[in-house]
Amino acid sequence: MNEVRINRERCKGCGLCLKACPKNLLQISKTPNERGFHPAETGENIVQCIACGQCYQVCPDGAIEVIDGKHAK
């Protein structure tokens, strides 16, 4: 199963990953992290993730890890 892990404390909520996701599976959290930023988070439909890694590639903070069921990107 594919998985996207977002480090809430590292994410600044820039939204680049939301724009990069071809399936629109990410959203901005309504709850701020400890630094006051509203980080990205996975939505209910994350099971539809194709593990393309585009969210990981555009993240300027290195806050995203993508697991494609075989290995991490």
PDB file of N, CA and C in Angstrom:
ATOM      1  N   MET A   1       0.839  -1.185   0.000  1.00  0.00           N
ATOM      2  CA  MET A   1       0.000   0.000   0.000  1.00  0.00           C
ATOM      3  C   MET A   1       0.884   1.249   0.000  1.00  0.00           C
ATOM      4  N   ASN A   2       0.501   2.226  -0.761  1.00  0.00           N
ATOM      5  CA  ASN A   2       1.246   3.477  -0.832  1.00  0.00           C
ATOM      6  C   ASN A   2       0.919   4.347   0.378  1.00  0.00           C
ATOM      7  N   GLU A   3       1.900   5.137   0.769  1.00  0.00           N
ATOM      8  CA  GLU A   3       1.728   5.975   1.945  1.00  0.00           C
ATOM      9  C   GLU A   3       2.507   7.275   1.783  1.00  0.00           C
ATOM     10  N   VAL A   4       1.919   8.359   2.300  1.00  0.00           N
ATOM     11  CA  VAL A   4       2.592   9.657   2.331  1.00  0.00           C
ATOM     12  C   VAL A   4       2.702  10.055   3.794  1.00  0.00           C
ATOM     13  N   ARG A   5       3.911  10.343   4.220  1.00  0.00           N
ATOM     14  CA  ARG A   5       4.140  10.783   5.597  1.00  0.00           C
ATOM     15  C   ARG A   5       4.615  12.229   5.566  1.00  0.00           C
ATOM     16  N   ILE A   6       3.938  13.068   6.331  1.00  0.00           N
ATOM     17  CA  ILE A   6       4.294  14.479   6.394  1.00  0.00           C
ATOM     18  C   ILE A   6       4.718  14.813   7.811  1.00  0.00           C
ATOM     19  N   ASN A   7       5.908  15.341   7.959  1.00  0.00           N
ATOM     20  CA  ASN A   7       6.415  15.762   9.262  1.00  0.00           C
ATOM     21  C   ASN A   7       5.760  17.107   9.600  1.00  0.00           C
ATOM     22  N   ARG A   8       4.778  17.082  10.473  1.00  0.00           N
ATOM     23  CA  ARG A   8       3.996  18.281  10.822  1.00  0.00           C
ATOM     24  C   ARG A   8       4.858  19.418  11.346  1.00  0.00           C
ATOM     25  N   GLU A   9       5.871  19.100  12.099  1.00  0.00           N
ATOM     26  CA  GLU A   9       6.685  20.147  12.712  1.00  0.00           C
ATOM     27  C   GLU A   9       7.669  20.765  11.722  1.00  0.00           C
ATOM     28  N   ARG A  10       8.000  20.052  10.690  1.00  0.00           N
ATOM     29  CA  ARG A  10       8.930  20.564   9.688  1.00  0.00           C
ATOM     30  C   ARG A  10       8.196  21.364   8.598  1.00  0.00           C
ATOM     31  N   CYS A  11       6.946  21.016   8.335  1.00  0.00           N
ATOM     32  CA  CYS A  11       6.156  21.638   7.263  1.00  0.00           C
ATOM     33  C   CYS A  11       5.735  23.054   7.633  1.00  0.00           C
ATOM     34  N   LYS A  12       5.866  23.971   6.661  1.00  0.00           N
ATOM     35  CA  LYS A  12       5.446  25.367   6.857  1.00  0.00           C
ATOM     36  C   LYS A  12       4.123  25.677   6.161  1.00  0.00           C
ATOM     37  N   GLY A  13       3.521  24.685   5.541  1.00  0.00           N
ATOM     38  CA  GLY A  13       2.221  24.881   4.908  1.00  0.00           C
ATOM     39  C   GLY A  13       2.254  25.737   3.659  1.00  0.00           C
ATOM     40  N   CYS A  14       3.323  25.644   2.885  1.00  0.00           N
ATOM     41  CA  CYS A  14       3.455  26.476   1.679  1.00  0.00           C
ATOM     42  C   CYS A  14       2.456  26.087   0.592  1.00  0.00           C
ATOM     43  N   GLY A  15       1.990  24.842   0.604  1.00  0.00           N
ATOM     44  CA  GLY A  15       0.992  24.396  -0.354  1.00  0.00           C
ATOM     45  C   GLY A  15       1.531  23.875  -1.672  1.00  0.00           C
ATOM     46  N   LEU A  16       2.846  23.865  -1.836  1.00  0.00           N
ATOM     47  CA  LEU A  16       3.411  23.374  -3.095  1.00  0.00           C
ATOM     48  C   LEU A  16       3.050  21.910  -3.347  1.00  0.00           C
ATOM     49  N   CYS A  17       3.011  21.112  -2.296  1.00  0.00           N
ATOM     50  CA  CYS A  17       2.675  19.696  -2.457  1.00  0.00           C
ATOM     51  C   CYS A  17       1.221  19.515  -2.898  1.00  0.00           C
ATOM     52  N   LEU A  18       0.338  20.375  -2.411  1.00  0.00           N
ATOM     53  CA  LEU A  18      -1.065  20.302  -2.812  1.00  0.00           C
ATOM     54  C   LEU A  18      -1.198  20.533  -4.307  1.00  0.00           C
ATOM     55  N   LYS A  19      -0.461  21.504  -4.812  1.00  0.00           N
ATOM     56  CA  LYS A  19      -0.511  21.825  -6.238  1.00  0.00           C
ATOM     57  C   LYS A  19       0.139  20.728  -7.078  1.00  0.00           C
ATOM     58  N   ALA A  20       1.138  20.061  -6.524  1.00  0.00           N
ATOM     59  CA  ALA A  20       1.878  19.041  -7.275  1.00  0.00           C
ATOM     60  C   ALA A  20       1.158  17.692  -7.344  1.00  0.00           C
ATOM     61  N   CYS A  21       0.291  17.415  -6.401  1.00  0.00           N
ATOM     62  CA  CYS A  21      -0.376  16.107  -6.345  1.00  0.00           C
ATOM     63  C   CYS A  21      -1.387  15.968  -7.480  1.00  0.00           C
ATOM     64  N   PRO A  22      -1.171  15.016  -8.396  1.00  0.00           N
ATOM     65  CA  PRO A  22      -2.090  14.849  -9.515  1.00  0.00           C
ATOM     66  C   PRO A  22      -3.453  14.301  -9.111  1.00  0.00           C
ATOM     67  N   LYS A  23      -3.557  13.756  -7.920  1.00  0.00           N
ATOM     68  CA  LYS A  23      -4.811  13.177  -7.435  1.00  0.00           C
ATOM     69  C   LYS A  23      -5.531  14.076  -6.419  1.00  0.00           C
ATOM     70  N   ASN A  24      -4.925  15.221  -6.088  1.00  0.00           N
ATOM     71  CA  ASN A  24      -5.505  16.159  -5.101  1.00  0.00           C
ATOM     72  C   ASN A  24      -5.821  15.480  -3.769  1.00  0.00           C
ATOM     73  N   LEU A  25      -4.829  14.785  -3.225  1.00  0.00           N
ATOM     74  CA  LEU A  25      -5.031  14.007  -2.010  1.00  0.00           C
ATOM     75  C   LEU A  25      -4.545  14.697  -0.743  1.00  0.00           C
ATOM     76  N   LEU A  26      -3.943  15.869  -0.876  1.00  0.00           N
ATOM     77  CA  LEU A  26      -3.401  16.571   0.284  1.00  0.00           C
ATOM     78  C   LEU A  26      -4.228  17.814   0.579  1.00  0.00           C
ATOM     79  N   GLN A  27      -4.151  18.267   1.815  1.00  0.00           N
ATOM     80  CA  GLN A  27      -4.880  19.463   2.239  1.00  0.00           C
ATOM     81  C   GLN A  27      -4.076  20.173   3.315  1.00  0.00           C
ATOM     82  N   ILE A  28      -4.452  21.400   3.606  1.00  0.00           N
ATOM     83  CA  ILE A  28      -3.804  22.155   4.673  1.00  0.00           C
ATOM     84  C   ILE A  28      -4.582  21.927   5.957  1.00  0.00           C
ATOM     85  N   SER A  29      -3.870  21.625   7.015  1.00  0.00           N
ATOM     86  CA  SER A  29      -4.482  21.360   8.317  1.00  0.00           C
ATOM     87  C   SER A  29      -5.082  22.632   8.911  1.00  0.00           C
ATOM     88  N   LYS A  30      -6.182  22.477   9.596  1.00  0.00           N
ATOM     89  CA  LYS A  30      -6.797  23.601  10.302  1.00  0.00           C
ATOM     90  C   LYS A  30      -6.099  23.844  11.637  1.00  0.00           C
ATOM     91  N   THR A  31      -5.348  22.848  12.088  1.00  0.00           N
ATOM     92  CA  THR A  31      -4.643  22.926  13.366  1.00  0.00           C
ATOM     93  C   THR A  31      -3.183  23.291  13.136  1.00  0.00           C
ATOM     94  N   PRO A  32      -2.701  24.367  13.748  1.00  0.00           N
ATOM     95  CA  PRO A  32      -1.300  24.754  13.556  1.00  0.00           C
ATOM     96  C   PRO A  32      -0.341  23.802  14.273  1.00  0.00           C
ATOM     97  N   ASN A  33       0.890  23.763  13.766  1.00  0.00           N
ATOM     98  CA  ASN A  33       1.924  22.990  14.444  1.00  0.00           C
ATOM     99  C   ASN A  33       2.535  23.852  15.556  1.00  0.00           C
ATOM    100  N   GLU A  34       3.563  23.353  16.205  1.00  0.00           N
ATOM    101  CA  GLU A  34       4.170  24.077  17.337  1.00  0.00           C
ATOM    102  C   GLU A  34       4.802  25.397  16.924  1.00  0.00           C
ATOM    103  N   ARG A  35       5.138  25.550  15.636  1.00  0.00           N
ATOM    104  CA  ARG A  35       5.741  26.795  15.158  1.00  0.00           C
ATOM    105  C   ARG A  35       4.705  27.786  14.640  1.00  0.00           C
ATOM    106  N   GLY A  36       3.425  27.399  14.694  1.00  0.00           N
ATOM    107  CA  GLY A  36       2.354  28.287  14.271  1.00  0.00           C
ATOM    108  C   GLY A  36       1.958  28.167  12.820  1.00  0.00           C
ATOM    109  N   PHE A  37       2.578  27.252  12.077  1.00  0.00           N
ATOM    110  CA  PHE A  37       2.239  27.033  10.674  1.00  0.00           C
ATOM    111  C   PHE A  37       1.113  26.004  10.571  1.00  0.00           C
ATOM    112  N   HIS A  38       0.337  26.116   9.534  1.00  0.00           N
ATOM    113  CA  HIS A  38      -0.698  25.124   9.250  1.00  0.00           C
ATOM    114  C   HIS A  38      -0.120  24.166   8.210  1.00  0.00           C
ATOM    115  N   PRO A  39       0.342  22.992   8.648  1.00  0.00           N
ATOM    116  CA  PRO A  39       1.027  22.072   7.746  1.00  0.00           C
ATOM    117  C   PRO A  39       0.081  21.332   6.807  1.00  0.00           C
ATOM    118  N   ALA A  40       0.661  20.764   5.786  1.00  0.00           N
ATOM    119  CA  ALA A  40      -0.092  19.895   4.881  1.00  0.00           C
ATOM    120  C   ALA A  40      -0.397  18.601   5.621  1.00  0.00           C
ATOM    121  N   GLU A  41      -1.459  17.959   5.193  1.00  0.00           N
ATOM    122  CA  GLU A  41      -1.818  16.661   5.755  1.00  0.00           C
ATOM    123  C   GLU A  41      -2.513  15.838   4.684  1.00  0.00           C
ATOM    124  N   THR A  42      -2.582  14.547   4.917  1.00  0.00           N
ATOM    125  CA  THR A  42      -3.252  13.669   3.975  1.00  0.00           C
ATOM    126  C   THR A  42      -4.748  13.678   4.274  1.00  0.00           C
ATOM    127  N   GLY A  43      -5.531  13.547   3.225  1.00  0.00           N
ATOM    128  CA  GLY A  43      -6.977  13.498   3.380  1.00  0.00           C
ATOM    129  C   GLY A  43      -7.464  12.055   3.455  1.00  0.00           C
ATOM    130  N   GLU A  44      -8.761  11.906   3.507  1.00  0.00           N
ATOM    131  CA  GLU A  44      -9.376  10.580   3.604  1.00  0.00           C
ATOM    132  C   GLU A  44      -9.082   9.704   2.388  1.00  0.00           C
ATOM    133  N   ASN A  45      -8.903  10.311   1.242  1.00  0.00           N
ATOM    134  CA  ASN A  45      -8.715   9.552   0.004  1.00  0.00           C
ATOM    135  C   ASN A  45      -7.267   9.185  -0.276  1.00  0.00           C
ATOM    136  N   ILE A  46      -6.407   9.261   0.728  1.00  0.00           N
ATOM    137  CA  ILE A  46      -4.989   8.984   0.516  1.00  0.00           C
ATOM    138  C   ILE A  46      -4.753   7.561  -0.004  1.00  0.00           C
ATOM    139  N   VAL A  47      -5.715   6.687   0.171  1.00  0.00           N
ATOM    140  CA  VAL A  47      -5.587   5.318  -0.349  1.00  0.00           C
ATOM    141  C   VAL A  47      -5.494   5.322  -1.870  1.00  0.00           C
ATOM    142  N   GLN A  48      -5.857   6.428  -2.506  1.00  0.00           N
ATOM    143  CA  GLN A  48      -5.768   6.556  -3.965  1.00  0.00           C
ATOM    144  C   GLN A  48      -4.390   7.031  -4.431  1.00  0.00           C
ATOM    145  N   CYS A  49      -3.466   7.212  -3.498  1.00  0.00           N
ATOM    146  CA  CYS A  49      -2.114   7.682  -3.823  1.00  0.00           C
ATOM    147  C   CYS A  49      -1.432   6.715  -4.792  1.00  0.00           C
ATOM    148  N   ILE A  50      -0.819   7.285  -5.821  1.00  0.00           N
ATOM    149  CA  ILE A  50      -0.103   6.476  -6.813  1.00  0.00           C
ATOM    150  C   ILE A  50       1.405   6.482  -6.572  1.00  0.00           C
ATOM    151  N   ALA A  51       1.828   7.089  -5.476  1.00  0.00           N
ATOM    152  CA  ALA A  51       3.240   7.149  -5.074  1.00  0.00           C
ATOM    153  C   ALA A  51       4.125   7.724  -6.176  1.00  0.00           C
ATOM    154  N   CYS A  52       3.650   8.766  -6.832  1.00  0.00           N
ATOM    155  CA  CYS A  52       4.429   9.383  -7.915  1.00  0.00           C
ATOM    156  C   CYS A  52       5.625  10.169  -7.375  1.00  0.00           C
ATOM    157  N   GLY A  53       5.532  10.612  -6.122  1.00  0.00           N
ATOM    158  CA  GLY A  53       6.636  11.332  -5.502  1.00  0.00           C
ATOM    159  C   GLY A  53       6.699  12.811  -5.827  1.00  0.00           C
ATOM    160  N   GLN A  54       5.709  13.345  -6.532  1.00  0.00           N
ATOM    161  CA  GLN A  54       5.753  14.760  -6.896  1.00  0.00           C
ATOM    162  C   GLN A  54       5.672  15.656  -5.666  1.00  0.00           C
ATOM    163  N   CYS A  55       4.902  15.276  -4.671  1.00  0.00           N
ATOM    164  CA  CYS A  55       4.815  16.074  -3.441  1.00  0.00           C
ATOM    165  C   CYS A  55       6.173  16.119  -2.741  1.00  0.00           C
ATOM    166  N   TYR A  56       6.833  14.989  -2.698  1.00  0.00           N
ATOM    167  CA  TYR A  56       8.156  14.870  -2.103  1.00  0.00           C
ATOM    168  C   TYR A  56       9.172  15.757  -2.835  1.00  0.00           C
ATOM    169  N   GLN A  57       9.108  15.744  -4.155  1.00  0.00           N
ATOM    170  CA  GLN A  57      10.072  16.476  -4.972  1.00  0.00           C
ATOM    171  C   GLN A  57       9.959  17.990  -4.821  1.00  0.00           C
ATOM    172  N   VAL A  58       8.756  18.505  -4.632  1.00  0.00           N
ATOM    173  CA  VAL A  58       8.583  19.958  -4.566  1.00  0.00           C
ATOM    174  C   VAL A  58       8.690  20.524  -3.153  1.00  0.00           C
ATOM    175  N   CYS A  59       8.720  19.678  -2.140  1.00  0.00           N
ATOM    176  CA  CYS A  59       8.745  20.161  -0.756  1.00  0.00           C
ATOM    177  C   CYS A  59      10.084  20.831  -0.433  1.00  0.00           C
ATOM    178  N   PRO A  60      10.075  22.144  -0.172  1.00  0.00           N
ATOM    179  CA  PRO A  60      11.321  22.850   0.118  1.00  0.00           C
ATOM    180  C   PRO A  60      11.858  22.575   1.524  1.00  0.00           C
ATOM    181  N   ASP A  61      11.040  21.973   2.364  1.00  0.00           N
ATOM    182  CA  ASP A  61      11.433  21.733   3.749  1.00  0.00           C
ATOM    183  C   ASP A  61      11.801  20.283   4.032  1.00  0.00           C
ATOM    184  N   GLY A  62      11.722  19.418   3.042  1.00  0.00           N
ATOM    185  CA  GLY A  62      12.040  18.004   3.244  1.00  0.00           C
ATOM    186  C   GLY A  62      11.126  17.350   4.252  1.00  0.00           C
ATOM    187  N   ALA A  63       9.868  17.770   4.256  1.00  0.00           N
ATOM    188  CA  ALA A  63       8.914  17.295   5.260  1.00  0.00           C
ATOM    189  C   ALA A  63       8.083  16.103   4.794  1.00  0.00           C
ATOM    190  N   ILE A  64       8.290  15.652   3.556  1.00  0.00           N
ATOM    191  CA  ILE A  64       7.442  14.599   2.998  1.00  0.00           C
ATOM    192  C   ILE A  64       8.252  13.372   2.643  1.00  0.00           C
ATOM    193  N   GLU A  65       7.689  12.229   2.980  1.00  0.00           N
ATOM    194  CA  GLU A  65       8.254  10.937   2.613  1.00  0.00           C
ATOM    195  C   GLU A  65       7.149  10.169   1.913  1.00  0.00           C
ATOM    196  N   VAL A  66       7.467   9.544   0.786  1.00  0.00           N
ATOM    197  CA  VAL A  66       6.496   8.748   0.036  1.00  0.00           C
ATOM    198  C   VAL A  66       6.950   7.300   0.050  1.00  0.00           C
ATOM    199  N   ILE A  67       6.050   6.424   0.443  1.00  0.00           N
ATOM    200  CA  ILE A  67       6.307   4.984   0.466  1.00  0.00           C
ATOM    201  C   ILE A  67       5.467   4.376  -0.638  1.00  0.00           C
ATOM    202  N   ASP A  68       6.099   3.739  -1.606  1.00  0.00           N
ATOM    203  CA  ASP A  68       5.349   3.166  -2.722  1.00  0.00           C
ATOM    204  C   ASP A  68       5.014   1.700  -2.541  1.00  0.00           C
ATOM    205  N   GLY A  69       5.049   1.231  -1.312  1.00  0.00           N
ATOM    206  CA  GLY A  69       4.747  -0.160  -1.053  1.00  0.00           C
ATOM    207  C   GLY A  69       5.961  -1.060  -1.172  1.00  0.00           C
ATOM    208  N   LYS A  70       7.010  -0.552  -1.803  1.00  0.00           N
ATOM    209  CA  LYS A  70       8.236  -1.330  -1.981  1.00  0.00           C
ATOM    210  C   LYS A  70       9.426  -0.655  -1.337  1.00  0.00           C
ATOM    211  N   HIS A  71       9.504   0.681  -1.466  1.00  0.00           N
ATOM    212  CA  HIS A  71      10.617   1.412  -0.873  1.00  0.00           C
ATOM    213  C   HIS A  71      10.257   2.891  -0.748  1.00  0.00           C
ATOM    214  N   ALA A  72      10.964   3.593   0.117  1.00  0.00           N
ATOM    215  CA  ALA A  72      10.712   5.029   0.351  1.00  0.00           C
ATOM    216  C   ALA A  72      11.386   5.866  -0.722  1.00  0.00           C
ATOM    217  N   LYS A  73      10.734   6.997  -1.047  1.00  0.00           N
ATOM    218  CA  LYS A  73      11.310   7.970  -1.982  1.00  0.00           C
ATOM    219  C   LYS A  73      11.736   9.187  -1.189  1.00  0.00           C
TER     220      LYS A  73
END
